[in-house]
Amino acid sequence: MALNHNELVGTIRCNYTKNLELENLDLDYYAKQYQMEKVGDAHPLYTSITGRFMVQSNFRGNGIGLKIIQALYKQQLLDGIKFDFIDAEA
């Protein structure tokens, strides 16, 4: 999440696929939805699903979104994630 003077201005959600069943989410549904089998043995231990990426409109265009993505990417690398499937809406 991104804060500006203790005000939430941006956020992102990432679920590690190996933990989906712990979160009561249907692993098979997401595996089919994103064709996760295409990454071979990396799935499900080294895959993740990212979504709910939001930045308040008055804070867009100043790099906050990029910083959120960079922070997530660095954490995923530390956690051994090799493939991230991004769920996005236009």
Protein backbone atom coordinates (compact mmCIF):
# COMPACT_ATOMS: atom_id res chain seq x y z
CA MET A 1 0.00 0.00 0.00
CA ALA A 2 1.07 3.60 -0.50
CA LEU A 3 0.51 6.34 2.03
CA ASN A 4 0.73 10.11 1.75
CA HIS A 5 0.72 11.81 5.16
CA ASN A 6 -0.99 8.72 6.67
CA GLU A 7 -3.67 8.76 3.95
CA LEU A 8 -4.05 5.62 1.83
CA VAL A 9 -3.48 6.61 -1.79
CA GLY A 10 -2.70 3.29 -3.48
CA THR A 11 -2.88 -0.46 -2.99
CA ILE A 12 -2.38 -3.81 -4.69
CA ARG A 13 -3.36 -7.37 -3.83
CA CYS A 14 -1.25 -10.42 -4.55
CA ASN A 15 -2.14 -14.01 -3.70
CA TYR A 16 0.56 -16.67 -3.78
CA THR A 17 -0.99 -19.62 -5.56
CA LYS A 18 0.43 -22.13 -3.07
CA ASN A 19 -1.72 -20.43 -0.39
CA LEU A 20 -5.04 -20.20 -2.27
CA GLU A 21 -6.59 -23.20 -0.57
CA LEU A 22 -5.64 -21.77 2.83
CA GLU A 23 -7.63 -18.68 1.85
CA ASN A 24 -10.63 -20.82 0.80
CA LEU A 25 -10.10 -19.98 -2.87
CA ASP A 26 -10.47 -22.54 -5.65
CA LEU A 27 -7.00 -23.30 -7.01
CA ASP A 28 -8.38 -25.21 -10.02
CA TYR A 29 -10.54 -22.25 -11.06
CA TYR A 30 -7.59 -19.86 -11.15
CA ALA A 31 -5.27 -22.41 -12.76
CA LYS A 32 -7.73 -22.79 -15.64
CA GLN A 33 -8.58 -19.07 -15.81
CA TYR A 34 -4.92 -18.07 -16.27
CA GLN A 35 -3.66 -21.25 -17.97
CA MET A 36 -1.08 -21.63 -15.24
CA GLU A 37 -0.05 -25.08 -16.44
CA LYS A 38 1.92 -23.30 -19.18
CA VAL A 39 4.67 -22.46 -16.67
CA GLY A 40 5.22 -26.15 -15.95
CA ASP A 41 6.60 -27.25 -12.60
CA ALA A 42 6.74 -23.67 -11.31
CA HIS A 43 3.01 -23.88 -10.64
CA PRO A 44 1.71 -23.78 -7.90
CA LEU A 45 4.72 -23.28 -5.63
CA TYR A 46 6.28 -20.36 -7.51
CA THR A 47 3.30 -18.56 -9.04
CA SER A 48 1.09 -15.73 -7.88
CA ILE A 49 -1.98 -13.77 -8.94
CA THR A 50 -2.00 -9.98 -8.71
CA GLY A 51 -5.06 -7.78 -8.90
CA ARG A 52 -6.90 -4.92 -7.24
CA PHE A 53 -4.20 -2.43 -8.20
CA MET A 54 -5.52 1.02 -7.45
CA VAL A 55 -4.16 4.55 -7.07
CA GLN A 56 -6.39 7.49 -6.13
CA SER A 57 -7.07 9.55 -9.25
CA ASN A 58 -5.53 12.74 -7.86
CA PHE A 59 -2.25 10.84 -7.19
CA ARG A 60 -1.91 9.20 -10.61
CA GLY A 61 0.93 10.18 -12.91
CA ASN A 62 3.48 10.90 -10.21
CA GLY A 63 5.16 7.50 -9.89
CA ILE A 64 3.25 6.06 -6.93
CA GLY A 65 1.87 3.23 -9.05
CA LEU A 66 5.33 2.32 -10.27
CA LYS A 67 6.67 2.30 -6.70
CA ILE A 68 3.86 -0.04 -5.60
CA ILE A 69 4.63 -2.45 -8.46
CA GLN A 70 8.38 -2.31 -7.75
CA ALA A 71 7.83 -3.06 -4.06
CA LEU A 72 5.62 -6.04 -4.90
CA TYR A 73 8.13 -7.33 -7.47
CA LYS A 74 10.99 -7.14 -4.96
CA GLN A 75 8.94 -9.04 -2.37
CA GLN A 76 7.96 -11.69 -4.91
CA LEU A 77 11.62 -12.23 -5.79
CA LEU A 78 12.50 -12.61 -2.11
CA ASP A 79 9.67 -15.14 -1.73
CA GLY A 80 10.77 -17.19 -4.76
CA ILE A 81 7.89 -16.27 -7.07
CA LYS A 82 8.86 -16.90 -10.69
CA PHE A 83 5.60 -16.14 -12.52
CA ASP A 84 2.90 -13.62 -11.67
CA PHE A 85 -0.47 -13.62 -13.41
CA ILE A 86 -2.00 -10.15 -13.44
CA ASP A 87 -5.77 -9.85 -13.39
CA ALA A 88 -6.74 -6.50 -14.83
CA GLU A 89 -9.77 -4.57 -16.04
CA ALA A 90 -9.67 -1.71 -18.48
